């Protein structure tokens, strides 16, 4: 009924605890599907151990070449499943015991409201922990000041408020995953764009994951002040992130142009053209089309960084 997609790479230190937290969920009708990106540590051996112990509940893809990134590894998993509901799982976190049950309950509520033929996405809050699992911040949404209820396309173009390791999508969503981008910022951001255009998004307003922070995180959790400091210190990385953001939007427009409404197409076209405009033109377009981030200071920073 539920496929839990776990993307792994050199995750020997934590992957066992993550798998255990999924197997020990209060909702048990689930299968863990793992895609290992040709790890060079003991991760493949740990995965084989769980496959042997739980042959009906833990399965892995046979990969002959490396995907090259976390997002590509997740896209590979998404292309391989057809289950009724699909959840995404990182290798180094811990799921709270009722995560699947609580997320599925919200998904069922959405299906009752909108039907099963529309793409639906449910995500939730997380608690940020240190390497040993001690909680540093009870709510990541509050800590990072994320506008978790702003599901407009114009918002998702400039900021992603979905954390991939909390996501559940339904089978109807999989039909829109016929195009996987050559480049995107992250897989969860791409899913957010899809859901904001063609489906519905719901948010479970409590932490369902212990989001472990350590030196090897693909994407970490930083406060707003820390994010501003990093951006100030590394302007080249900021420029590269904006390049990826606009490339992501351009690819999305190219992939789904025929399915977009006239209004959605206009929003995407105006956004893709932003880098070519004058500073005044950029500011006016950002304001007109509401390309607004979660906070005023982030939006202001964007106006003078693009």
Protein backbone atom coordinates (compact mmCIF):
# COMPACT_ATOMS: atom_id res chain seq x y z
CA UNK A 1 0.00 0.00 0.00
CA UNK A 2 2.83 2.40 0.93
CA UNK A 3 6.28 2.38 -0.64
CA UNK A 4 8.98 4.14 1.38
CA UNK A 5 11.77 5.23 -0.97
CA UNK A 6 15.16 5.45 0.70
CA UNK A 7 18.09 6.95 -1.21
CA UNK A 8 21.47 6.01 0.23
CA UNK A 9 25.13 6.81 -0.30
CA UNK A 10 27.93 6.13 2.19
CA UNK A 11 25.43 6.09 5.03
CA UNK A 12 26.77 3.23 7.18
CA UNK A 13 26.74 5.25 10.40
CA UNK A 14 22.99 5.96 10.54
CA UNK A 15 21.12 3.96 7.90
CA UNK A 16 20.40 1.01 10.20
CA UNK A 17 18.63 3.23 12.75
CA UNK A 18 16.61 4.87 9.98
CA UNK A 19 15.48 1.54 8.53
CA UNK A 20 14.53 0.32 12.02
CA UNK A 21 12.44 3.45 12.62
CA UNK A 22 10.50 2.76 9.40
CA UNK A 23 10.03 -0.94 10.15
CA UNK A 24 8.72 -0.08 13.64
CA UNK A 25 5.97 2.26 12.41
CA UNK A 26 2.49 1.93 13.89
CA UNK A 27 1.26 1.51 10.29
CA UNK A 28 2.79 -1.72 8.98
CA UNK A 29 1.45 -2.18 5.44
CA UNK A 30 4.57 -0.74 3.86
CA UNK A 31 7.63 -1.72 1.87
CA UNK A 32 11.03 -0.03 1.98
CA UNK A 33 12.61 0.33 -1.47
CA UNK A 34 16.27 1.37 -1.34
CA UNK A 35 18.45 2.79 -4.08
CA UNK A 36 22.10 2.81 -3.10
CA UNK A 37 24.27 5.09 -5.22
CA UNK A 38 27.26 2.68 -5.30
CA UNK A 39 28.41 3.43 -1.76
CA UNK A 40 32.05 2.81 -0.88
CA UNK A 41 31.50 1.97 2.80
CA UNK A 42 29.44 -0.75 4.52
CA UNK A 43 26.09 0.66 3.40
CA UNK A 44 25.45 -2.07 0.74
CA UNK A 45 26.23 -4.81 3.28
CA UNK A 46 23.85 -3.28 5.83
CA UNK A 47 21.11 -3.09 3.19
CA UNK A 48 21.65 -6.77 2.28
CA UNK A 49 21.34 -7.73 5.95
CA UNK A 50 17.94 -6.07 6.17
CA UNK A 51 16.81 -7.60 2.87
CA UNK A 52 17.66 -11.04 4.21
CA UNK A 53 15.96 -10.43 7.56
CA UNK A 54 12.84 -8.81 6.05
CA UNK A 55 12.51 -10.20 2.49
CA UNK A 56 8.88 -9.06 2.18
CA UNK A 57 9.44 -5.58 3.58
CA UNK A 58 12.89 -4.41 2.41
CA UNK A 59 13.96 -4.41 -1.24
CA UNK A 60 16.71 -2.64 -3.17
CA UNK A 61 17.30 -1.62 -6.76
CA UNK A 62 20.21 -3.14 -8.67
CA UNK A 63 22.19 -0.10 -9.77
CA UNK A 64 25.13 -0.47 -12.13
CA UNK A 65 26.12 3.17 -12.25
CA UNK A 66 26.04 6.13 -9.91
CA UNK A 67 23.24 8.66 -10.35
CA UNK A 68 25.56 11.46 -9.22
CA UNK A 69 23.32 13.28 -6.74
CA UNK A 70 20.69 12.77 -4.07
CA UNK A 71 17.97 14.22 -6.30
CA UNK A 72 18.84 11.93 -9.21
CA UNK A 73 18.86 8.95 -6.87
CA UNK A 74 15.35 9.84 -5.66
CA UNK A 75 14.16 10.36 -9.24
CA UNK A 76 15.46 6.88 -10.03
CA UNK A 77 13.41 5.50 -7.16
CA UNK A 78 10.29 7.42 -8.19
CA UNK A 79 10.56 5.96 -11.69
CA UNK A 80 10.67 2.43 -10.27
CA UNK A 81 7.51 2.32 -8.12
CA UNK A 82 3.78 2.17 -8.81
CA UNK A 83 2.32 1.80 -5.32
CA UNK A 84 -0.82 3.54 -4.08
CA UNK A 85 1.15 5.90 -1.83
CA UNK A 86 4.83 6.82 -1.90
CA UNK A 87 6.97 8.37 0.82
CA UNK A 88 10.53 9.71 0.63
CA UNK A 89 13.14 8.80 3.21
CA UNK A 90 16.68 10.05 3.87
CA UNK A 91 19.32 7.65 5.17
CA UNK A 92 20.34 9.48 8.33
CA UNK A 93 17.14 10.57 10.12
CA UNK A 94 14.73 8.86 12.49
CA UNK A 95 10.98 8.62 11.84
CA UNK A 96 8.67 9.05 14.81
CA UNK A 97 6.54 5.90 15.33
CA UNK A 98 3.28 7.34 13.91
CA UNK A 99 4.78 9.25 10.96
CA UNK A 100 3.25 7.02 8.28
CA UNK A 101 -0.08 6.75 10.10
CA UNK A 102 -0.39 10.51 10.63
CA UNK A 103 0.64 11.36 7.08
CA UNK A 104 -1.66 8.78 5.54
CA UNK A 105 -4.56 10.06 7.66
CA UNK A 106 -4.07 13.53 6.16
CA UNK A 107 -3.74 12.04 2.66
CA UNK A 108 -7.06 10.18 3.11
CA UNK A 109 -8.70 13.43 4.25
CA UNK A 110 -7.46 15.15 1.10
CA UNK A 111 -8.71 12.32 -1.08
CA UNK A 112 -12.14 12.64 0.53
CA UNK A 113 -12.15 16.35 -0.35
CA UNK A 114 -10.56 16.27 -3.83
CA UNK A 115 -10.77 12.68 -5.08
CA UNK A 116 -8.05 10.16 -5.91
CA UNK A 117 -7.43 11.30 -9.50
CA UNK A 118 -5.73 14.58 -8.56
CA UNK A 119 -2.03 14.69 -7.60
CA UNK A 120 -1.80 15.09 -3.82
CA UNK A 121 1.22 15.81 -1.63
CA UNK A 122 1.40 15.80 2.16
CA UNK A 123 4.41 17.02 4.14
CA UNK A 124 5.09 17.87 7.78
CA UNK A 125 7.28 19.67 10.26
CA UNK A 126 10.52 18.18 11.61
CA UNK A 127 12.55 18.41 14.79
CA UNK A 128 16.21 19.30 14.27
CA UNK A 129 18.68 17.13 16.22
CA UNK A 130 22.42 16.87 16.65
CA UNK A 131 24.46 13.83 15.57
CA UNK A 132 23.45 11.91 18.67
CA UNK A 133 19.74 12.58 18.20
CA UNK A 134 19.38 15.26 20.88
CA UNK A 135 16.72 17.79 19.86
CA UNK A 136 18.14 21.22 19.10
CA UNK A 137 14.98 22.82 17.69
CA UNK A 138 11.53 21.32 18.22
CA UNK A 139 10.12 22.85 15.02
CA UNK A 140 12.27 23.38 11.93
CA UNK A 141 9.49 25.43 10.33
CA UNK A 142 9.57 27.90 13.24
CA UNK A 143 13.37 27.84 13.48
CA UNK A 144 13.83 28.65 9.79
CA UNK A 145 10.71 30.84 9.50
CA UNK A 146 9.34 28.77 6.60
CA UNK A 147 6.01 29.79 5.04
CA UNK A 148 4.71 26.23 5.06
CA UNK A 149 1.14 27.20 4.09
CA UNK A 150 2.05 29.34 1.07
CA UNK A 151 1.34 26.96 -1.81
CA UNK A 152 1.23 29.45 -4.67
CA UNK A 153 3.27 28.64 -7.78
CA UNK A 154 4.87 32.11 -7.57
CA UNK A 155 6.17 31.24 -4.10
CA UNK A 156 7.50 27.80 -5.09
CA UNK A 157 9.46 29.35 -7.93
CA UNK A 158 11.61 31.31 -5.47
CA UNK A 159 11.51 29.16 -2.36
CA UNK A 160 10.84 25.56 -1.46
CA UNK A 161 8.88 24.99 1.74
CA UNK A 162 8.71 21.18 1.43
CA UNK A 163 11.31 19.00 3.14
CA UNK A 164 11.66 15.81 1.12
CA UNK A 165 12.05 13.40 4.03
CA UNK A 166 8.52 14.27 5.21
CA UNK A 167 6.74 13.81 1.86
CA UNK A 168 3.96 11.45 0.85
CA UNK A 169 2.45 11.53 -2.65
CA UNK A 170 -0.41 9.52 -4.11
CA UNK A 171 -0.52 7.33 -7.23
CA UNK A 172 -2.09 10.10 -9.32
CA UNK A 173 1.03 12.18 -8.65
CA UNK A 174 3.24 9.52 -10.24
CA UNK A 175 1.54 10.09 -13.60
CA UNK A 176 3.02 13.60 -13.65
CA UNK A 177 6.53 12.27 -13.07
CA UNK A 178 7.05 11.35 -16.70
CA UNK A 179 9.67 14.10 -17.03
CA UNK A 180 12.72 14.14 -14.79
CA UNK A 181 14.80 17.30 -15.09
CA UNK A 182 18.40 17.24 -16.28
CA UNK A 183 19.06 19.75 -13.52
CA UNK A 184 17.10 21.01 -10.53
CA UNK A 185 17.89 22.44 -7.12
CA UNK A 186 16.44 19.44 -5.29
CA UNK A 187 13.90 16.70 -5.97
CA UNK A 188 11.47 17.94 -3.28
CA UNK A 189 11.44 21.41 -4.87
CA UNK A 190 10.50 19.85 -8.23
CA UNK A 191 7.66 17.95 -6.50
CA UNK A 192 6.50 21.20 -4.92
CA UNK A 193 6.32 22.89 -8.32
CA UNK A 194 4.29 19.98 -9.69
CA UNK A 195 1.89 19.94 -6.75
CA UNK A 196 1.38 23.71 -6.79
CA UNK A 197 0.49 23.62 -10.51
CA UNK A 198 -1.51 20.45 -10.92
CA UNK A 199 -2.55 19.19 -7.51
CA UNK A 200 -3.06 19.97 -3.85
CA UNK A 201 -0.70 20.26 -0.90
CA UNK A 202 -1.40 19.63 2.78
CA UNK A 203 0.79 20.18 5.82
CA UNK A 204 0.82 18.23 9.09
CA UNK A 205 1.64 20.88 11.66
CA UNK A 206 3.78 18.82 14.00
CA UNK A 207 7.19 17.16 13.76
CA UNK A 208 7.14 13.61 12.43
CA UNK A 209 10.88 13.25 11.75
CA UNK A 210 14.02 13.72 13.82
CA UNK A 211 16.18 15.56 11.28
CA UNK A 212 19.76 14.71 12.15
CA UNK A 213 22.41 17.37 11.53
CA UNK A 214 25.98 16.25 10.92
CA UNK A 215 28.95 17.06 8.72
CA UNK A 216 27.75 14.91 5.84
CA UNK A 217 24.27 16.34 5.34
CA UNK A 218 23.31 16.84 1.69
CA UNK A 219 21.04 19.70 2.80
CA UNK A 220 21.22 20.97 6.35
CA UNK A 221 19.09 23.06 8.64
CA UNK A 222 20.28 26.62 9.31
CA UNK A 223 18.61 29.54 11.00
CA UNK A 224 17.80 32.66 9.00
CA UNK A 225 20.83 34.49 10.46
CA UNK A 226 23.16 31.61 9.56
CA UNK A 227 21.77 31.52 6.03
CA UNK A 228 22.36 35.27 5.54
CA UNK A 229 25.92 34.91 6.85
CA UNK A 230 26.67 32.04 4.49
CA UNK A 231 25.30 33.96 1.52
CA UNK A 232 27.33 37.03 2.38
CA UNK A 233 30.50 34.95 2.72
CA UNK A 234 30.04 32.97 -0.48
CA UNK A 235 28.65 35.10 -3.27
CA UNK A 236 29.71 32.58 -5.93
CA UNK A 237 27.55 29.90 -4.35
CA UNK A 238 24.61 32.31 -4.14
CA UNK A 239 24.94 33.04 -7.87
CA UNK A 240 25.11 29.31 -8.61
CA UNK A 241 21.99 28.65 -6.53
CA UNK A 242 20.09 31.35 -8.44
CA UNK A 243 21.32 29.90 -11.73
CA UNK A 244 19.96 26.48 -10.74
CA UNK A 245 16.68 28.03 -9.59
CA UNK A 246 16.08 29.70 -12.94
CA UNK A 247 17.24 26.64 -14.87
CA UNK A 248 14.81 24.54 -12.83
CA UNK A 249 11.94 26.89 -13.73
CA UNK A 250 12.93 26.88 -17.40
CA UNK A 251 12.98 23.08 -17.53
CA UNK A 252 9.65 22.90 -15.72
CA UNK A 253 8.10 25.28 -18.24
CA UNK A 254 9.49 23.26 -21.15
CA UNK A 255 8.36 19.93 -19.70
CA UNK A 256 4.81 20.88 -18.74
CA UNK A 257 3.95 23.83 -20.98
CA UNK A 258 1.02 22.05 -22.65
CA UNK A 259 -0.56 21.18 -19.28
CA UNK A 260 -0.23 24.65 -17.75
CA UNK A 261 -3.06 27.14 -17.57
CA UNK A 262 -2.59 30.50 -19.30
CA UNK A 263 -2.01 32.18 -15.93
CA UNK A 264 0.56 29.59 -14.84
CA UNK A 265 2.40 29.89 -18.14
CA UNK A 266 2.56 33.66 -17.78
CA UNK A 267 3.94 33.41 -14.24
CA UNK A 268 6.64 30.96 -15.32
CA UNK A 269 7.59 32.96 -18.41
CA UNK A 270 7.90 36.17 -16.41
CA UNK A 271 10.03 34.41 -13.81
CA UNK A 272 12.39 32.83 -16.35
CA UNK A 273 12.95 36.28 -17.92
CA UNK A 274 13.84 37.95 -14.61
CA UNK A 275 17.66 37.71 -14.93
CA UNK A 276 17.60 39.67 -18.23
CA UNK A 277 15.72 42.64 -16.77
CA UNK A 278 17.11 45.82 -15.25
CA UNK A 279 17.25 46.14 -11.48
CA UNK A 280 14.09 48.25 -11.48
CA UNK A 281 12.44 45.80 -13.87
CA UNK A 282 13.35 42.88 -11.60
CA UNK A 283 11.94 44.57 -8.52
CA UNK A 284 8.71 45.54 -10.29
CA UNK A 285 8.23 42.02 -11.69
CA UNK A 286 8.94 40.36 -8.33
CA UNK A 287 6.32 42.58 -6.72
CA UNK A 288 3.74 42.33 -9.52
CA UNK A 289 3.81 38.53 -9.71
CA UNK A 290 4.36 38.02 -5.98
CA UNK A 291 7.65 36.15 -6.28
CA UNK A 292 7.91 36.51 -2.52
CA UNK A 293 9.94 34.49 -0.04
CA UNK A 294 8.91 33.56 3.50
CA UNK A 295 10.16 36.79 5.08
CA UNK A 296 10.42 40.39 3.93
CA UNK A 297 14.19 40.46 4.41
CA UNK A 298 14.63 37.36 2.22
CA UNK A 299 12.49 38.90 -0.48
CA UNK A 300 14.45 42.15 -0.22
CA UNK A 301 17.71 40.24 -0.49
CA UNK A 302 16.41 38.47 -3.58
CA UNK A 303 15.47 41.76 -5.22
CA UNK A 304 19.11 42.87 -5.09
CA UNK A 305 20.78 39.46 -5.63
CA UNK A 306 19.18 38.26 -8.86
